Amino acid sequence: MCDDLVAICEQVNSCRFAEGRIPGALSFAQSDLALRLEEAPKHRDLLVVCAAGNRSMRPDGFVKTLGYTRVTDLDGGASGWIEAGNPVEKDG
């Protein structure tokens, strides 16, 4: 993963995040995104991720309204990332 990239994972299930995620990803509940977004600097590329690529479209749009211009919604979500054989971080 690029050192200039921050992945924001919108998760409804924290256990899923612990089982496998994009390395260095931050886990935000969609309801907490506005409160925690400052953890992701505006000068970095943001990759907005959910499990399958459906729920992340809404936070992607929201982040852009706050002045983040380097934002991408991960097509296929975390599942697609893992199935493609990309690196994964796990707890424990």
C-alpha atoms as a PDB file:
ATOM      1  CA  MET A   1       0.000   0.000   0.000  1.00  0.00           C
ATOM      2  CA  CYS A   2       1.182   3.498  -0.760  1.00  0.00           C
ATOM      3  CA  ASP A   3       2.612   5.394   2.220  1.00  0.00           C
ATOM      4  CA  ASP A   4       0.502   8.408   1.289  1.00  0.00           C
ATOM      5  CA  LEU A   5      -2.792   6.477   1.518  1.00  0.00           C
ATOM      6  CA  VAL A   6      -5.164   6.327   4.482  1.00  0.00           C
ATOM      7  CA  ALA A   7      -7.915   3.722   4.334  1.00  0.00           C
ATOM      8  CA  ILE A   8     -11.101   4.582   6.204  1.00  0.00           C
ATOM      9  CA  CYS A   9     -13.144   1.467   6.848  1.00  0.00           C
ATOM     10  CA  GLU A  10     -16.814   2.014   7.541  1.00  0.00           C
ATOM     11  CA  GLN A  11     -17.645  -1.023   9.631  1.00  0.00           C
ATOM     12  CA  VAL A  12     -20.868  -2.201  11.201  1.00  0.00           C
ATOM     13  CA  ASN A  13     -19.085  -5.220  12.647  1.00  0.00           C
ATOM     14  CA  SER A  14     -15.829  -4.645  14.544  1.00  0.00           C
ATOM     15  CA  CYS A  15     -15.130  -8.388  14.526  1.00  0.00           C
ATOM     16  CA  ARG A  16     -14.932  -8.283  10.732  1.00  0.00           C
ATOM     17  CA  PHE A  17     -12.339  -5.485  10.974  1.00  0.00           C
ATOM     18  CA  ALA A  18     -10.256  -7.572  13.391  1.00  0.00           C
ATOM     19  CA  GLU A  19     -10.389 -10.600  11.055  1.00  0.00           C
ATOM     20  CA  GLY A  20      -8.803  -8.794   8.133  1.00  0.00           C
ATOM     21  CA  ARG A  21      -8.337  -5.258   6.834  1.00  0.00           C
ATOM     22  CA  ILE A  22      -6.208  -3.112   4.582  1.00  0.00           C
ATOM     23  CA  PRO A  23      -2.911  -2.493   6.402  1.00  0.00           C
ATOM     24  CA  GLY A  24      -3.016   0.699   8.479  1.00  0.00           C
ATOM     25  CA  ALA A  25      -6.758   1.164   7.999  1.00  0.00           C
ATOM     26  CA  LEU A  26      -8.724   3.292  10.447  1.00  0.00           C
ATOM     27  CA  SER A  27     -12.085   1.873  11.516  1.00  0.00           C
ATOM     28  CA  PHE A  28     -14.907   4.412  11.774  1.00  0.00           C
ATOM     29  CA  ALA A  29     -18.579   3.752  12.310  1.00  0.00           C
ATOM     30  CA  GLN A  30     -20.446   5.818   9.747  1.00  0.00           C
ATOM     31  CA  SER A  31     -22.168   7.688  12.592  1.00  0.00           C
ATOM     32  CA  ASP A  32     -18.761   8.711  14.029  1.00  0.00           C
ATOM     33  CA  LEU A  33     -17.152   9.760  10.775  1.00  0.00           C
ATOM     34  CA  ALA A  34     -17.660  13.520  11.250  1.00  0.00           C
ATOM     35  CA  LEU A  35     -16.207  13.335  14.770  1.00  0.00           C
ATOM     36  CA  ARG A  36     -13.113  11.337  13.850  1.00  0.00           C
ATOM     37  CA  LEU A  37     -12.319  12.459  10.324  1.00  0.00           C
ATOM     38  CA  GLU A  38      -9.536  14.762  11.513  1.00  0.00           C
ATOM     39  CA  GLU A  39      -7.537  11.555  12.096  1.00  0.00           C
ATOM     40  CA  ALA A  40      -7.217  11.388   8.303  1.00  0.00           C
ATOM     41  CA  PRO A  41      -5.233  14.385   7.015  1.00  0.00           C
ATOM     42  CA  LYS A  42      -6.602  16.228   3.970  1.00  0.00           C
ATOM     43  CA  HIS A  43      -3.235  16.077   2.201  1.00  0.00           C
ATOM     44  CA  ARG A  44      -3.353  12.257   2.039  1.00  0.00           C
ATOM     45  CA  ASP A  45      -5.255  10.010  -0.338  1.00  0.00           C
ATOM     46  CA  LEU A  46      -8.317   8.526   1.380  1.00  0.00           C
ATOM     47  CA  LEU A  47      -9.682   5.137   0.438  1.00  0.00           C
ATOM     48  CA  VAL A  48     -13.210   4.659   1.791  1.00  0.00           C
ATOM     49  CA  VAL A  49     -13.989   1.004   2.379  1.00  0.00           C
ATOM     50  CA  CYS A  50     -16.866  -1.156   3.596  1.00  0.00           C
ATOM     51  CA  ALA A  51     -17.252  -4.925   3.484  1.00  0.00           C
ATOM     52  CA  ALA A  52     -18.582  -5.286  -0.069  1.00  0.00           C
ATOM     53  CA  GLY A  53     -18.405  -1.810  -1.593  1.00  0.00           C
ATOM     54  CA  ASN A  54     -22.033  -0.732  -1.146  1.00  0.00           C
ATOM     55  CA  ARG A  55     -22.177   1.228   2.133  1.00  0.00           C
ATOM     56  CA  SER A  56     -18.966   3.170   1.474  1.00  0.00           C
ATOM     57  CA  MET A  57     -20.526   5.302  -1.277  1.00  0.00           C
ATOM     58  CA  ARG A  58     -22.343   7.489   1.252  1.00  0.00           C
ATOM     59  CA  PRO A  59     -19.308   8.296   3.451  1.00  0.00           C
ATOM     60  CA  ASP A  60     -17.268   8.876   0.275  1.00  0.00           C
ATOM     61  CA  GLY A  61     -19.636  11.687  -0.729  1.00  0.00           C
ATOM     62  CA  PHE A  62     -19.761  13.099   2.798  1.00  0.00           C
ATOM     63  CA  VAL A  63     -15.963  13.267   3.089  1.00  0.00           C
ATOM     64  CA  LYS A  64     -15.794  15.176  -0.206  1.00  0.00           C
ATOM     65  CA  THR A  65     -18.258  17.804   1.093  1.00  0.00           C
ATOM     66  CA  LEU A  66     -15.802  18.505   3.940  1.00  0.00           C
ATOM     67  CA  GLY A  67     -13.042  19.510   1.550  1.00  0.00           C
ATOM     68  CA  TYR A  68     -11.262  16.194   1.097  1.00  0.00           C
ATOM     69  CA  THR A  69     -10.450  16.024  -2.611  1.00  0.00           C
ATOM     70  CA  ARG A  70      -8.274  12.918  -2.760  1.00  0.00           C
ATOM     71  CA  VAL A  71     -11.033  10.403  -1.968  1.00  0.00           C
ATOM     72  CA  THR A  72     -11.740   7.051  -3.610  1.00  0.00           C
ATOM     73  CA  ASP A  73     -14.458   4.519  -2.832  1.00  0.00           C
ATOM     74  CA  LEU A  74     -12.989   0.997  -2.989  1.00  0.00           C
ATOM     75  CA  ASP A  75     -15.000  -0.921  -5.573  1.00  0.00           C
ATOM     76  CA  GLY A  76     -15.723  -4.391  -4.201  1.00  0.00           C
ATOM     77  CA  GLY A  77     -14.936  -3.323  -0.646  1.00  0.00           C
ATOM     78  CA  ALA A  78     -12.683  -5.169   1.762  1.00  0.00           C
ATOM     79  CA  SER A  79     -13.930  -8.500   0.410  1.00  0.00           C
ATOM     80  CA  GLY A  80     -12.740  -7.584  -3.077  1.00  0.00           C
ATOM     81  CA  TRP A  81      -9.412  -6.366  -1.684  1.00  0.00           C
ATOM     82  CA  ILE A  82      -8.841  -9.695   0.089  1.00  0.00           C
ATOM     83  CA  GLU A  83     -10.052 -11.836  -2.854  1.00  0.00           C
ATOM     84  CA  ALA A  84      -7.616 -10.003  -5.147  1.00  0.00           C
ATOM     85  CA  GLY A  85      -4.754 -11.218  -2.939  1.00  0.00           C
ATOM     86  CA  ASN A  86      -3.803  -7.775  -1.623  1.00  0.00           C
ATOM     87  CA  PRO A  87      -2.053  -7.475   1.774  1.00  0.00           C
ATOM     88  CA  VAL A  88      -4.217  -7.864   4.873  1.00  0.00           C
ATOM     89  CA  GLU A  89      -3.659  -7.029   8.545  1.00  0.00           C
ATOM     90  CA  LYS A  90      -5.305  -9.115  11.276  1.00  0.00           C
ATOM     91  CA  ASP A  91      -5.595  -8.766  15.038  1.00  0.00           C
ATOM     92  CA  GLY A  92      -3.877 -11.342  17.193  1.00  0.00           C
END
